[in-house]
Amino acid sequence: MLLIFGTRALGVIDFWFMASGKRIHKTVHHYLFTEVGGKLAPQVTEVDDVAWFPIDEIVSKLAYPDERKLIAKSGPLVP
């Protein structure tokens, strides 16, 4: 279990995708927080890997334009 402190909501991204021939709707809520203990581990489904990285590298780590846009409008990334 991961222990966190100082949660701040950054925004929500809502999208559709296809999986196994079905149209799937997904809503992803993004948060900024500080880890204070516990173990970082990927979710059993949907996630291949998880990792910590410096906050100033966030834009280069994001895979989708909507995520980069959300971060750009989030203001200072300080929990």
C-alpha atoms as a PDB file:
ATOM      1  CA  MET A   1       0.000   0.000   0.000  1.00  0.00           C
ATOM      2  CA  LEU A   2       1.244   3.486  -0.882  1.00  0.00           C
ATOM      3  CA  LEU A   3       0.942   6.222   1.746  1.00  0.00           C
ATOM      4  CA  ILE A   4       0.410   9.753   0.401  1.00  0.00           C
ATOM      5  CA  PHE A   5       0.134  13.300   1.738  1.00  0.00           C
ATOM      6  CA  GLY A   6      -1.078  16.617   0.336  1.00  0.00           C
ATOM      7  CA  THR A   7      -3.406  15.494  -2.432  1.00  0.00           C
ATOM      8  CA  ARG A   8      -4.406  18.138  -5.000  1.00  0.00           C
ATOM      9  CA  ALA A   9      -6.755  17.376  -7.905  1.00  0.00           C
ATOM     10  CA  LEU A  10      -5.255  18.397 -11.274  1.00  0.00           C
ATOM     11  CA  GLY A  11      -8.193  17.554 -13.513  1.00  0.00           C
ATOM     12  CA  VAL A  12     -10.082  14.836 -15.344  1.00  0.00           C
ATOM     13  CA  ILE A  13      -9.581  13.321 -18.792  1.00  0.00           C
ATOM     14  CA  ASP A  14     -12.547  11.556 -20.354  1.00  0.00           C
ATOM     15  CA  PHE A  15     -12.089   9.343 -23.450  1.00  0.00           C
ATOM     16  CA  TRP A  16     -13.289   6.341 -25.486  1.00  0.00           C
ATOM     17  CA  PHE A  17     -11.254   3.424 -26.871  1.00  0.00           C
ATOM     18  CA  MET A  18     -11.754  -0.009 -28.420  1.00  0.00           C
ATOM     19  CA  ALA A  19     -10.835  -3.236 -26.613  1.00  0.00           C
ATOM     20  CA  SER A  20     -11.776  -6.762 -27.637  1.00  0.00           C
ATOM     21  CA  GLY A  21     -14.183  -5.353 -30.226  1.00  0.00           C
ATOM     22  CA  LYS A  22     -16.052  -3.257 -27.648  1.00  0.00           C
ATOM     23  CA  ARG A  23     -16.192   0.525 -27.317  1.00  0.00           C
ATOM     24  CA  ILE A  24     -15.058   1.443 -23.792  1.00  0.00           C
ATOM     25  CA  HIS A  25     -15.572   4.758 -21.988  1.00  0.00           C
ATOM     26  CA  LYS A  26     -12.942   5.750 -19.437  1.00  0.00           C
ATOM     27  CA  THR A  27     -12.571   8.658 -17.031  1.00  0.00           C
ATOM     28  CA  VAL A  28      -9.145   9.285 -15.484  1.00  0.00           C
ATOM     29  CA  HIS A  29      -8.774  11.594 -12.472  1.00  0.00           C
ATOM     30  CA  HIS A  30      -5.281  13.117 -12.092  1.00  0.00           C
ATOM     31  CA  TYR A  31      -3.809  14.122  -8.724  1.00  0.00           C
ATOM     32  CA  LEU A  32      -0.593  15.604  -7.389  1.00  0.00           C
ATOM     33  CA  PHE A  33       0.624  14.196  -4.086  1.00  0.00           C
ATOM     34  CA  THR A  34       3.725  13.469  -2.039  1.00  0.00           C
ATOM     35  CA  GLU A  35       4.641   9.878  -1.237  1.00  0.00           C
ATOM     36  CA  VAL A  36       5.446   9.407   2.447  1.00  0.00           C
ATOM     37  CA  GLY A  37       5.782   5.636   2.661  1.00  0.00           C
ATOM     38  CA  GLY A  38       4.644   2.259   1.511  1.00  0.00           C
ATOM     39  CA  LYS A  39       5.363   0.445  -1.730  1.00  0.00           C
ATOM     40  CA  LEU A  40       4.781   1.685  -5.280  1.00  0.00           C
ATOM     41  CA  ALA A  41       3.314  -1.157  -7.390  1.00  0.00           C
ATOM     42  CA  PRO A  42       1.406  -1.332 -10.691  1.00  0.00           C
ATOM     43  CA  GLN A  43      -2.313  -2.076 -10.739  1.00  0.00           C
ATOM     44  CA  VAL A  44      -2.928  -5.712 -11.675  1.00  0.00           C
ATOM     45  CA  THR A  45      -4.846  -4.750 -14.847  1.00  0.00           C
ATOM     46  CA  GLU A  46      -4.163  -1.970 -17.380  1.00  0.00           C
ATOM     47  CA  VAL A  47      -0.732  -0.945 -16.035  1.00  0.00           C
ATOM     48  CA  ASP A  48       2.587  -2.479 -17.103  1.00  0.00           C
ATOM     49  CA  ASP A  49       4.930  -0.379 -14.965  1.00  0.00           C
ATOM     50  CA  VAL A  50       5.025   2.430 -12.403  1.00  0.00           C
ATOM     51  CA  ALA A  51       7.942   4.670 -11.442  1.00  0.00           C
ATOM     52  CA  TRP A  52       8.851   7.838  -9.547  1.00  0.00           C
ATOM     53  CA  PHE A  53      10.590  10.609 -11.491  1.00  0.00           C
ATOM     54  CA  PRO A  54      11.464  14.281 -10.931  1.00  0.00           C
ATOM     55  CA  ILE A  55       8.467  16.621 -11.331  1.00  0.00           C
ATOM     56  CA  ASP A  56      10.294  18.686 -13.966  1.00  0.00           C
ATOM     57  CA  GLU A  57      10.335  15.599 -16.244  1.00  0.00           C
ATOM     58  CA  ILE A  58       6.561  15.089 -16.203  1.00  0.00           C
ATOM     59  CA  VAL A  59       5.795  16.496 -19.670  1.00  0.00           C
ATOM     60  CA  SER A  60       8.427  14.285 -21.326  1.00  0.00           C
ATOM     61  CA  LYS A  61       6.992  11.193 -19.590  1.00  0.00           C
ATOM     62  CA  LEU A  62       3.353  11.724 -20.620  1.00  0.00           C
ATOM     63  CA  ALA A  63       2.129   9.699 -23.607  1.00  0.00           C
ATOM     64  CA  TYR A  64      -0.933  11.673 -24.726  1.00  0.00           C
ATOM     65  CA  PRO A  65      -1.540  15.300 -25.776  1.00  0.00           C
ATOM     66  CA  ASP A  66      -4.564  15.590 -23.431  1.00  0.00           C
ATOM     67  CA  GLU A  67      -2.325  14.737 -20.467  1.00  0.00           C
ATOM     68  CA  ARG A  68       0.262  17.357 -21.453  1.00  0.00           C
ATOM     69  CA  LYS A  69      -2.522  19.955 -21.884  1.00  0.00           C
ATOM     70  CA  LEU A  70      -3.913  19.119 -18.422  1.00  0.00           C
ATOM     71  CA  ILE A  71      -0.465  19.604 -16.838  1.00  0.00           C
ATOM     72  CA  ALA A  72       0.115  22.865 -18.736  1.00  0.00           C
ATOM     73  CA  LYS A  73      -3.058  24.385 -17.259  1.00  0.00           C
ATOM     74  CA  SER A  74      -2.550  22.969 -13.734  1.00  0.00           C
ATOM     75  CA  GLY A  75      -0.362  25.806 -12.468  1.00  0.00           C
ATOM     76  CA  PRO A  76       2.625  25.211 -10.183  1.00  0.00           C
ATOM     77  CA  LEU A  77       3.152  21.508  -9.507  1.00  0.00           C
ATOM     78  CA  VAL A  78       3.730  21.756  -5.775  1.00  0.00           C
ATOM     79  CA  PRO A  79       1.668  19.419  -3.575  1.00  0.00           C
END
